[in-house]
């Protein structure tokens, strides 16, 4: 079963759990090793996690922060919360150990906004998080998620909100954005008409607490039960060639990242290492989250051309967490048009002068 193009938001977001495909699955790079879980196994893990969360006392309508790295646990918890009618909140994680003190302060601020009863965290960080959250004066119970298959199917509870996601914070303190299930389903359907994730998705290295990583880099593929993969951001930065090799070995069709990712690959992957790859399966490449730089995309296409990369796959895009994710972009197979505008005379709510 692929995701329905019509029907309710519940059917789009959760229908795959009741009719999972065993012939497709998700791959995760965990501690340097790739592990694959087919959709049948993953659906069972989601339902098992839902049972465990209900036993812990999570109730419909609860907003539950997910303080988890990229991995199967994050996704299982996300869908399990949706299944029982609760609201996951994808909380940013610190990028380095040195940033932890500032991040804990940010976390306390987020907790003060959400006032959650529960938070989900991995076993390594649960203790420190519990201490930090107690400092807010809130009675927050930090729970380590499970993925045990119980064979039980807990009651599926409809809900209004799908996720409370936070803006990037690039222009100040991160702001919580209330995304309804209808919002999320409409945005995912729009993405399905725009990019090619019918059978194969891509290799997502973007953090899942970011709207581009969560909605475009994950939910758009999972809800269609596409063959898809996840690489932690640190692993991509450590070895971007390994990321490219996945497209050669597993024929993924979709790439998505901000401008710096394309720039990083050009800088870190020599032309000689590209020549042995076959990237002809890549059909759509979304550049968003940062200002799109045509020179960067041209350099990326030139570097990957010997591997069969087709520059017509580029789909520059614009989006915001406040709009769920995608706002506008270039359709598949349509060459993007590059124009220069007169920024000296540009005014809000007025036509712009195109210079060329």
Protein backbone atom coordinates (compact mmCIF):
# COMPACT_ATOMS: atom_id res chain seq x y z
CA UNK A 1 0.00 0.00 0.00
CA UNK A 2 1.21 3.50 -0.85
CA UNK A 3 -0.20 6.57 0.88
CA UNK A 4 -3.65 7.52 -0.41
CA UNK A 5 -3.84 10.69 -2.48
CA UNK A 6 -7.35 11.27 -1.13
CA UNK A 7 -9.00 10.56 2.20
CA UNK A 8 -8.62 11.90 5.69
CA UNK A 9 -5.42 13.15 7.31
CA UNK A 10 -5.58 10.10 9.59
CA UNK A 11 -5.53 7.78 6.58
CA UNK A 12 -2.51 9.53 5.09
CA UNK A 13 -0.49 9.76 8.29
CA UNK A 14 -1.32 6.40 9.89
CA UNK A 15 -2.89 4.20 7.22
CA UNK A 16 0.44 2.56 6.41
CA UNK A 17 0.58 1.10 9.95
CA UNK A 18 -2.51 -1.05 9.36
CA UNK A 19 -1.39 -2.14 5.87
CA UNK A 20 2.42 -2.26 5.98
CA UNK A 21 4.53 -3.52 3.09
CA UNK A 22 7.06 -6.22 3.88
CA UNK A 23 8.89 -5.69 0.58
CA UNK A 24 10.00 -2.16 1.44
CA UNK A 25 11.70 -0.74 4.49
CA UNK A 26 13.87 1.78 6.28
CA UNK A 27 17.63 1.63 6.75
CA UNK A 28 19.46 3.31 9.62
CA UNK A 29 23.18 3.91 10.09
CA UNK A 30 23.71 3.03 13.76
CA UNK A 31 27.21 3.00 15.28
CA UNK A 32 28.73 2.72 11.82
CA UNK A 33 26.58 -0.22 10.67
CA UNK A 34 23.52 -0.15 8.43
CA UNK A 35 20.40 -1.85 9.83
CA UNK A 36 17.22 -2.40 7.79
CA UNK A 37 13.69 -2.66 9.18
CA UNK A 38 10.86 -3.51 6.80
CA UNK A 39 7.56 -1.66 7.14
CA UNK A 40 5.84 -4.67 8.68
CA UNK A 41 8.43 -4.81 11.45
CA UNK A 42 8.38 -1.05 11.86
CA UNK A 43 4.58 -0.89 12.11
CA UNK A 44 4.70 -3.54 14.84
CA UNK A 45 7.36 -1.51 16.67
CA UNK A 46 5.17 1.62 16.45
CA UNK A 47 2.20 -0.22 17.95
CA UNK A 48 4.38 -1.77 20.65
CA UNK A 49 5.71 1.66 21.54
CA UNK A 50 2.15 3.01 21.65
CA UNK A 51 1.17 0.29 24.13
CA UNK A 52 4.16 1.14 26.33
CA UNK A 53 3.39 4.87 26.27
CA UNK A 54 -0.22 4.24 27.29
CA UNK A 55 1.00 2.06 30.15
CA UNK A 56 3.26 4.93 31.27
CA UNK A 57 0.21 7.18 31.45
CA UNK A 58 0.53 9.25 28.27
CA UNK A 59 -2.95 10.44 27.31
CA UNK A 60 -4.58 11.88 24.17
CA UNK A 61 -3.78 15.57 23.87
CA UNK A 62 -0.51 15.36 25.83
CA UNK A 63 2.35 17.31 24.21
CA UNK A 64 5.41 15.08 24.52
CA UNK A 65 8.89 16.40 23.64
CA UNK A 66 11.06 13.97 21.65
CA UNK A 67 14.62 14.54 22.80
CA UNK A 68 16.06 11.81 20.61
CA UNK A 69 18.72 11.57 17.88
CA UNK A 70 18.09 10.33 14.35
CA UNK A 71 17.12 6.68 14.52
CA UNK A 72 14.25 4.19 14.59
CA UNK A 73 13.31 5.17 18.16
CA UNK A 74 12.52 8.75 17.14
CA UNK A 75 10.25 7.66 14.30
CA UNK A 76 8.56 4.89 16.32
CA UNK A 77 7.80 7.34 19.11
CA UNK A 78 6.57 9.99 16.69
CA UNK A 79 4.03 7.70 15.02
CA UNK A 80 3.10 5.98 18.31
CA UNK A 81 2.16 9.34 19.81
CA UNK A 82 0.06 10.18 16.75
CA UNK A 83 -1.63 6.78 17.02
CA UNK A 84 -2.78 7.33 20.61
CA UNK A 85 -3.83 10.93 19.99
CA UNK A 86 -0.90 12.62 21.71
CA UNK A 87 1.27 15.37 20.17
CA UNK A 88 5.00 14.84 19.54
CA UNK A 89 7.24 17.90 19.77
CA UNK A 90 10.55 17.59 17.93
CA UNK A 91 12.96 19.40 20.25
CA UNK A 92 16.38 20.54 18.96
CA UNK A 93 19.44 18.65 20.17
CA UNK A 94 22.90 20.10 20.89
CA UNK A 95 25.24 19.79 17.91
CA UNK A 96 28.34 19.27 20.07
CA UNK A 97 29.15 18.35 23.66
CA UNK A 98 30.44 21.90 24.23
CA UNK A 99 27.00 23.28 23.41
CA UNK A 100 25.20 21.18 26.03
CA UNK A 101 25.08 23.85 28.74
CA UNK A 102 23.44 26.39 26.42
CA UNK A 103 21.15 23.71 25.05
CA UNK A 104 19.92 22.75 28.52
CA UNK A 105 19.04 26.38 29.12
CA UNK A 106 17.14 26.41 25.81
CA UNK A 107 15.43 23.16 26.80
CA UNK A 108 14.26 24.68 30.07
CA UNK A 109 12.76 27.56 28.10
CA UNK A 110 10.99 25.16 25.74
CA UNK A 111 9.67 23.09 28.65
CA UNK A 112 8.31 26.25 30.26
CA UNK A 113 6.35 26.91 27.04
CA UNK A 114 5.07 23.35 26.63
CA UNK A 115 4.57 22.41 30.30
CA UNK A 116 4.72 18.70 29.40
CA UNK A 117 3.94 15.82 31.74
CA UNK A 118 6.28 13.50 29.84
CA UNK A 119 9.45 13.76 27.74
CA UNK A 120 11.05 10.96 25.72
CA UNK A 121 14.85 10.66 25.76
CA UNK A 122 17.49 8.03 25.13
CA UNK A 123 19.05 6.17 28.06
CA UNK A 124 22.32 8.09 27.79
CA UNK A 125 20.73 11.47 28.40
CA UNK A 126 17.68 10.70 30.50
CA UNK A 127 19.30 11.44 33.87
CA UNK A 128 20.69 14.85 32.98
CA UNK A 129 17.48 15.83 31.25
CA UNK A 130 15.39 14.91 34.27
CA UNK A 131 17.56 17.18 36.45
CA UNK A 132 17.36 20.05 33.97
CA UNK A 133 13.60 19.77 33.61
CA UNK A 134 13.08 19.63 37.36
CA UNK A 135 14.75 23.04 37.58
CA UNK A 136 11.77 24.49 35.71
CA UNK A 137 9.53 23.56 38.62
CA UNK A 138 7.53 21.27 36.34
CA UNK A 139 6.79 17.66 37.17
CA UNK A 140 8.13 16.17 33.94
CA UNK A 141 8.67 12.45 33.75
CA UNK A 142 11.52 11.50 31.40
CA UNK A 143 10.81 8.16 29.74
CA UNK A 144 13.14 6.00 27.65
CA UNK A 145 11.24 4.71 24.60
CA UNK A 146 10.72 1.10 23.63
CA UNK A 147 10.31 -0.64 20.32
CA UNK A 148 9.13 -4.00 21.63
CA UNK A 149 6.59 -5.83 19.47
CA UNK A 150 3.71 -6.81 21.76
CA UNK A 151 1.29 -8.17 19.16
CA UNK A 152 -1.33 -5.82 20.60
CA UNK A 153 -3.07 -3.02 18.72
CA UNK A 154 -3.88 -0.20 21.10
CA UNK A 155 -6.90 2.02 20.43
CA UNK A 156 -6.28 4.58 17.73
CA UNK A 157 -7.34 8.02 18.92
CA UNK A 158 -7.96 10.86 16.48
CA UNK A 159 -6.46 14.23 17.34
CA UNK A 160 -6.38 17.80 16.11
CA UNK A 161 -2.70 18.64 16.49
CA UNK A 162 -0.08 16.52 14.73
CA UNK A 163 3.14 18.06 15.99
CA UNK A 164 4.42 21.07 17.85
CA UNK A 165 7.63 21.85 16.00
CA UNK A 166 10.07 24.64 16.69
CA UNK A 167 11.41 27.22 14.27
CA UNK A 168 15.14 27.10 13.60
CA UNK A 169 15.97 29.94 15.99
CA UNK A 170 18.14 31.57 13.32
CA UNK A 171 16.33 34.86 13.96
CA UNK A 172 16.03 34.58 17.74
CA UNK A 173 14.68 32.17 20.34
CA UNK A 174 13.03 29.10 18.73
CA UNK A 175 9.26 29.49 18.57
CA UNK A 176 6.78 26.66 18.91
CA UNK A 177 4.54 26.16 15.88
CA UNK A 178 1.24 24.26 16.24
CA UNK A 179 0.87 22.03 13.17
CA UNK A 180 -2.52 20.34 12.84
CA UNK A 181 -2.99 16.93 11.31
CA UNK A 182 -4.78 18.60 8.41
CA UNK A 183 -1.80 20.99 7.96
CA UNK A 184 0.67 18.12 7.96
CA UNK A 185 -1.35 15.91 5.62
CA UNK A 186 -1.89 18.78 3.15
CA UNK A 187 1.83 19.58 3.06
CA UNK A 188 2.82 15.95 2.61
CA UNK A 189 0.32 15.54 -0.23
CA UNK A 190 1.74 18.65 -1.88
CA UNK A 191 5.25 17.18 -1.59
CA UNK A 192 4.01 13.91 -3.12
CA UNK A 193 2.84 15.79 -6.22
CA UNK A 194 6.14 17.62 -6.44
CA UNK A 195 8.98 15.17 -5.77
CA UNK A 196 9.48 11.55 -6.72
CA UNK A 197 9.15 9.28 -3.67
CA UNK A 198 6.79 6.69 -5.16
CA UNK A 199 9.06 3.69 -4.64
CA UNK A 200 12.39 5.05 -3.42
CA UNK A 201 13.05 8.05 -1.23
CA UNK A 202 16.57 9.08 -0.33
CA UNK A 203 19.16 9.14 2.42
CA UNK A 204 18.15 11.68 5.05
CA UNK A 205 21.07 13.15 6.99
CA UNK A 206 19.17 16.21 8.20
CA UNK A 207 18.24 16.18 11.91
CA UNK A 208 14.68 15.00 12.49
CA UNK A 209 13.98 17.88 14.86
CA UNK A 210 14.25 20.22 11.85
CA UNK A 211 11.13 20.73 9.71
CA UNK A 212 12.98 19.87 6.48
CA UNK A 213 14.40 16.71 8.02
CA UNK A 214 11.12 15.66 9.63
CA UNK A 215 8.48 16.46 7.01
CA UNK A 216 10.37 16.48 3.71
CA UNK A 217 13.20 14.16 4.68
CA UNK A 218 11.13 11.58 6.52
CA UNK A 219 7.33 11.73 6.66
CA UNK A 220 6.90 12.23 2.91
CA UNK A 221 8.73 8.93 2.32
CA UNK A 222 7.41 6.87 5.25
CA UNK A 223 3.75 7.66 4.56
CA UNK A 224 4.25 6.29 1.03
CA UNK A 225 6.21 3.33 2.36
CA UNK A 226 9.15 4.20 0.13
CA UNK A 227 12.50 2.50 0.47
CA UNK A 228 14.34 5.12 2.54
CA UNK A 229 17.44 5.58 4.71
CA UNK A 230 18.75 7.69 7.58
CA UNK A 231 22.29 8.82 8.33
CA UNK A 232 23.07 10.89 11.45
CA UNK A 233 24.27 14.42 10.58
CA UNK A 234 27.64 13.77 12.23
CA UNK A 235 28.21 10.77 9.96
CA UNK A 236 27.43 12.81 6.86
CA UNK A 237 29.90 15.49 7.95
CA UNK A 238 32.51 12.85 8.73
CA UNK A 239 32.17 11.04 5.40
CA UNK A 240 29.91 12.58 2.73
CA UNK A 241 31.25 10.08 0.18
CA UNK A 242 29.57 7.30 2.16
CA UNK A 243 26.29 9.20 1.77
CA UNK A 244 26.73 9.37 -2.01
CA UNK A 245 27.62 5.68 -2.16
CA UNK A 246 24.18 4.78 -0.80
CA UNK A 247 22.59 6.22 -3.94
CA UNK A 248 24.89 4.10 -6.06
CA UNK A 249 24.29 0.89 -4.08
CA UNK A 250 20.55 1.17 -3.35
CA UNK A 251 19.23 3.34 -6.21
CA UNK A 252 17.56 6.00 -4.11
CA UNK A 253 15.89 8.69 -6.20
CA UNK A 254 15.68 11.78 -4.00
CA UNK A 255 18.18 14.20 -2.39
CA UNK A 256 17.28 17.12 -0.10
CA UNK A 257 19.48 19.52 1.85
CA UNK A 258 20.41 23.17 2.36
CA UNK A 259 23.00 24.94 0.24
CA UNK A 260 25.89 24.21 2.60
CA UNK A 261 25.37 20.46 2.08
CA UNK A 262 25.94 20.71 -1.68
CA UNK A 263 28.90 22.99 -1.03
CA UNK A 264 30.34 20.55 1.50
CA UNK A 265 30.16 17.62 -0.90
CA UNK A 266 31.98 19.58 -3.62
CA UNK A 267 34.67 20.54 -1.14
CA UNK A 268 35.10 17.15 0.53
CA UNK A 269 34.54 14.59 -2.24
CA UNK A 270 37.28 14.65 -4.92
CA UNK A 271 36.30 14.16 -8.55
CA UNK A 272 38.33 10.95 -8.68
CA UNK A 273 36.11 9.37 -5.99
CA UNK A 274 32.95 10.18 -7.95
CA UNK A 275 33.89 8.57 -11.25
CA UNK A 276 33.19 5.02 -10.08
CA UNK A 277 29.67 5.79 -8.84
CA UNK A 278 26.35 5.46 -10.68
CA UNK A 279 23.97 8.25 -9.64
CA UNK A 280 21.62 7.97 -12.60
CA UNK A 281 18.77 6.91 -10.29
CA UNK A 282 18.58 10.39 -8.72
CA UNK A 283 15.51 12.12 -10.18
CA UNK A 284 14.77 14.96 -7.76
CA UNK A 285 17.13 17.15 -5.73
CA UNK A 286 15.60 19.75 -3.43
CA UNK A 287 17.71 22.69 -2.26
CA UNK A 288 16.07 24.62 0.57
CA UNK A 289 16.35 25.78 4.20
CA UNK A 290 19.03 28.30 3.18
CA UNK A 291 19.35 30.78 0.33
CA UNK A 292 19.76 28.82 -2.90
CA UNK A 293 23.11 29.57 -4.57
CA UNK A 294 23.07 28.79 -8.33
CA UNK A 295 26.87 28.64 -8.41
CA UNK A 296 26.88 25.98 -5.71
CA UNK A 297 24.31 23.85 -7.53
CA UNK A 298 26.27 24.19 -10.78
CA UNK A 299 29.47 23.07 -9.06
CA UNK A 300 27.61 20.10 -7.48
CA UNK A 301 26.20 19.05 -10.86
CA UNK A 302 29.62 19.34 -12.50
CA UNK A 303 31.25 17.26 -9.77
CA UNK A 304 28.66 14.47 -10.06
CA UNK A 305 28.24 14.55 -13.85
CA UNK A 306 30.77 11.70 -14.44
CA UNK A 307 28.52 9.51 -12.24
CA UNK A 308 25.48 10.09 -14.44
CA UNK A 309 23.89 12.84 -12.36
CA UNK A 310 21.25 14.79 -14.31
CA UNK A 311 21.24 18.52 -13.46
CA UNK A 312 17.57 18.70 -14.53
CA UNK A 313 16.78 17.02 -11.21
CA UNK A 314 17.32 20.25 -9.26
CA UNK A 315 14.23 21.61 -7.50
CA UNK A 316 15.05 24.81 -5.58
CA UNK A 317 12.48 25.39 -2.84
CA UNK A 318 11.36 27.72 -0.10
CA UNK A 319 9.62 26.81 3.14
CA UNK A 320 9.20 27.61 6.82
CA UNK A 321 8.42 25.64 9.98
CA UNK A 322 5.54 28.07 10.47
CA UNK A 323 3.98 26.71 7.25
CA UNK A 324 4.63 23.03 8.19
CA UNK A 325 7.44 22.92 5.61
CA UNK A 326 7.06 23.45 1.87
CA UNK A 327 5.72 26.72 0.47
CA UNK A 328 6.92 26.78 -3.13
CA UNK A 329 9.35 25.02 -5.43
CA UNK A 330 10.21 24.08 -9.00
CA UNK A 331 8.27 21.12 -10.50
CA UNK A 332 10.14 17.96 -11.42
CA UNK A 333 11.79 18.19 -14.85
CA UNK A 334 11.37 21.96 -15.16
CA UNK A 335 14.63 23.88 -15.31
CA UNK A 336 14.68 26.60 -12.63
CA UNK A 337 14.74 30.17 -13.92
CA UNK A 338 17.36 32.46 -12.39
CA UNK A 339 16.64 36.19 -12.37
CA UNK A 340 18.27 39.25 -10.81
CA UNK A 341 16.04 41.85 -9.19
CA UNK A 342 16.71 45.47 -8.37
CA UNK A 343 17.07 45.29 -4.61
CA UNK A 344 17.57 49.05 -4.30
CA UNK A 345 14.01 49.77 -5.41
CA UNK A 346 12.29 46.65 -4.05
CA UNK A 347 9.40 47.38 -1.70
CA UNK A 348 7.11 45.17 0.34
CA UNK A 349 3.79 44.38 -1.43
CA UNK A 350 4.99 45.93 -4.69
CA UNK A 351 6.12 44.44 -8.03
CA UNK A 352 9.85 43.94 -8.38
CA UNK A 353 12.02 45.09 -11.25
CA UNK A 354 13.75 42.18 -12.99
CA UNK A 355 17.21 43.16 -14.23
CA UNK A 356 17.95 39.99 -16.13
